[in-house]
């Protein structure tokens, strides 16, 4: 990808398309929640449909991918680098800003595989994700 004459957006798209299957499509891993979104969910009786939490990247994807493209990392090093940075915090849409203000207030147990990525969005079931939040927050 690096040596092609494609524009940066095309290079990023190719790298992103390869990354998903390489990690079993376990992308945008949710690390936890902000105070504001937990409070809004509590007030709505844990109704994700009314609150509409969004996954907000801690590290902007375009920066992560361009760092890889502009480096001499091996494919394995690149995947490891992207994996470490491909994490998100559940927040309100109004909190999802690229200004460094996003804060992880309520971490979740990473071993449980909660809020997995779907073809669009993320999974959130009453039996797993909502039950976990009710019991822990």
Protein backbone atom coordinates (compact mmCIF):
# COMPACT_ATOMS: atom_id res chain seq x y z
CA UNK A 1 0.00 0.00 0.00
CA UNK A 2 2.80 2.43 0.92
CA UNK A 3 4.52 2.26 -2.46
CA UNK A 4 1.39 2.83 -4.54
CA UNK A 5 0.58 6.15 -6.09
CA UNK A 6 -2.91 6.10 -4.60
CA UNK A 7 -4.08 9.10 -2.62
CA UNK A 8 -4.02 8.90 1.19
CA UNK A 9 -7.76 8.21 1.49
CA UNK A 10 -7.52 5.21 -0.86
CA UNK A 11 -4.49 3.86 1.02
CA UNK A 12 -6.37 4.25 4.30
CA UNK A 13 -9.44 2.48 2.89
CA UNK A 14 -7.38 -0.48 1.69
CA UNK A 15 -5.62 -0.78 5.05
CA UNK A 16 -8.91 -0.50 6.94
CA UNK A 17 -10.53 -3.17 4.73
CA UNK A 18 -7.66 -5.57 5.50
CA UNK A 19 -7.59 -4.81 9.24
CA UNK A 20 -11.18 -5.87 10.06
CA UNK A 21 -10.93 -9.49 8.87
CA UNK A 22 -7.40 -9.76 10.30
CA UNK A 23 -8.80 -9.22 13.82
CA UNK A 24 -12.00 -11.21 13.38
CA UNK A 25 -13.95 -8.01 12.78
CA UNK A 26 -13.50 -7.17 16.47
CA UNK A 27 -13.01 -3.48 15.76
CA UNK A 28 -13.94 -0.34 17.72
CA UNK A 29 -13.56 -2.25 21.01
CA UNK A 30 -15.55 -0.49 23.72
CA UNK A 31 -13.41 0.22 26.80
CA UNK A 32 -16.18 1.82 28.86
CA UNK A 33 -18.50 4.78 29.26
CA UNK A 34 -18.50 8.47 30.09
CA UNK A 35 -20.36 9.78 33.15
CA UNK A 36 -22.83 11.65 30.96
CA UNK A 37 -23.94 8.62 28.98
CA UNK A 38 -24.22 6.41 32.10
CA UNK A 39 -26.35 9.09 33.78
CA UNK A 40 -28.57 9.44 30.69
CA UNK A 41 -28.99 5.66 30.48
CA UNK A 42 -29.90 5.42 34.19
CA UNK A 43 -32.47 8.23 33.80
CA UNK A 44 -34.01 6.47 30.79
CA UNK A 45 -34.19 3.10 32.60
CA UNK A 46 -31.33 1.80 30.41
CA UNK A 47 -33.13 2.53 27.14
CA UNK A 48 -30.37 2.61 24.51
CA UNK A 49 -32.93 3.50 21.84
CA UNK A 50 -33.79 6.81 23.46
CA UNK A 51 -30.26 7.75 24.58
CA UNK A 52 -28.45 6.51 21.44
CA UNK A 53 -24.89 6.18 22.83
CA UNK A 54 -22.16 6.37 20.21
CA UNK A 55 -18.74 4.72 20.11
CA UNK A 56 -16.20 7.51 20.19
CA UNK A 57 -12.64 6.73 19.20
CA UNK A 58 -9.96 7.62 21.71
CA UNK A 59 -7.44 7.80 18.85
CA UNK A 60 -8.73 9.08 15.53
CA UNK A 61 -8.64 6.33 12.92
CA UNK A 62 -7.35 8.53 10.12
CA UNK A 63 -4.31 9.46 12.25
CA UNK A 64 -3.68 5.82 13.22
CA UNK A 65 -3.83 4.60 9.63
CA UNK A 66 -1.70 7.45 8.29
CA UNK A 67 0.92 6.74 10.98
CA UNK A 68 1.10 3.17 9.68
CA UNK A 69 1.16 4.21 6.02
CA UNK A 70 3.94 6.73 6.63
CA UNK A 71 6.07 4.34 8.67
CA UNK A 72 8.32 1.39 7.96
CA UNK A 73 6.34 -0.99 10.22
CA UNK A 74 6.03 -4.60 9.14
CA UNK A 75 2.50 -5.93 8.53
CA UNK A 76 2.51 -7.57 11.96
CA UNK A 77 3.74 -4.41 13.68
CA UNK A 78 1.11 -2.39 11.82
CA UNK A 79 -1.71 -4.71 12.93
CA UNK A 80 -0.49 -4.59 16.53
CA UNK A 81 -0.29 -0.78 16.42
CA UNK A 82 -3.78 -0.43 14.95
CA UNK A 83 -5.18 -2.99 17.45
CA UNK A 84 -3.83 -1.01 20.41
CA UNK A 85 -5.35 2.22 19.12
CA UNK A 86 -8.67 0.86 17.76
CA UNK A 87 -10.58 1.39 21.00
CA UNK A 88 -13.65 3.44 21.80
CA UNK A 89 -15.58 4.94 24.69
CA UNK A 90 -19.37 4.98 24.71
CA UNK A 91 -20.49 8.58 24.95
CA UNK A 92 -23.26 10.94 24.05
CA UNK A 93 -23.02 12.26 20.50
CA UNK A 94 -22.37 15.74 21.94
CA UNK A 95 -19.25 14.41 23.73
CA UNK A 96 -17.76 12.85 20.59
CA UNK A 97 -15.23 15.56 19.78
CA UNK A 98 -11.70 15.41 18.41
CA UNK A 99 -10.34 17.79 21.05
CA UNK A 100 -8.97 15.40 23.69
CA UNK A 101 -11.85 16.01 26.11
CA UNK A 102 -13.31 12.49 25.95
CA UNK A 103 -12.82 10.73 29.28
CA UNK A 104 -13.23 7.09 30.27
CA UNK A 105 -15.15 7.33 33.55
CA UNK A 106 -16.58 3.80 33.78
CA UNK A 107 -14.35 1.02 32.38
CA UNK A 108 -15.98 -2.29 31.52
CA UNK A 109 -14.61 -5.82 31.84
CA UNK A 110 -12.76 -6.45 28.57
CA UNK A 111 -12.85 -10.23 28.99
CA UNK A 112 -16.63 -10.35 28.47
CA UNK A 113 -16.68 -9.20 24.84
CA UNK A 114 -19.50 -6.70 25.38
CA UNK A 115 -20.76 -4.22 22.75
CA UNK A 116 -19.14 -6.08 19.83
CA UNK A 117 -19.06 -4.45 16.44
CA UNK A 118 -21.70 -5.42 13.95
CA UNK A 119 -21.82 -4.82 10.23
CA UNK A 120 -23.31 -1.49 11.29
CA UNK A 121 -23.07 -0.25 14.85
CA UNK A 122 -22.64 -2.54 17.85
CA UNK A 123 -24.52 -5.29 19.69
CA UNK A 124 -26.46 -4.45 22.83
CA UNK A 125 -28.75 -7.07 24.33
CA UNK A 126 -30.82 -6.88 27.51
CA UNK A 127 -29.45 -10.24 28.68
CA UNK A 128 -25.77 -9.32 28.39
CA UNK A 129 -24.83 -5.68 27.92
CA UNK A 130 -27.74 -3.95 29.70
CA UNK A 131 -27.69 -6.48 32.55
CA UNK A 132 -23.95 -5.87 32.98
CA UNK A 133 -24.44 -2.09 33.13
CA UNK A 134 -27.34 -2.34 35.60
CA UNK A 135 -25.32 -4.58 37.90
CA UNK A 136 -22.13 -2.53 37.74
CA UNK A 137 -23.20 1.11 37.33
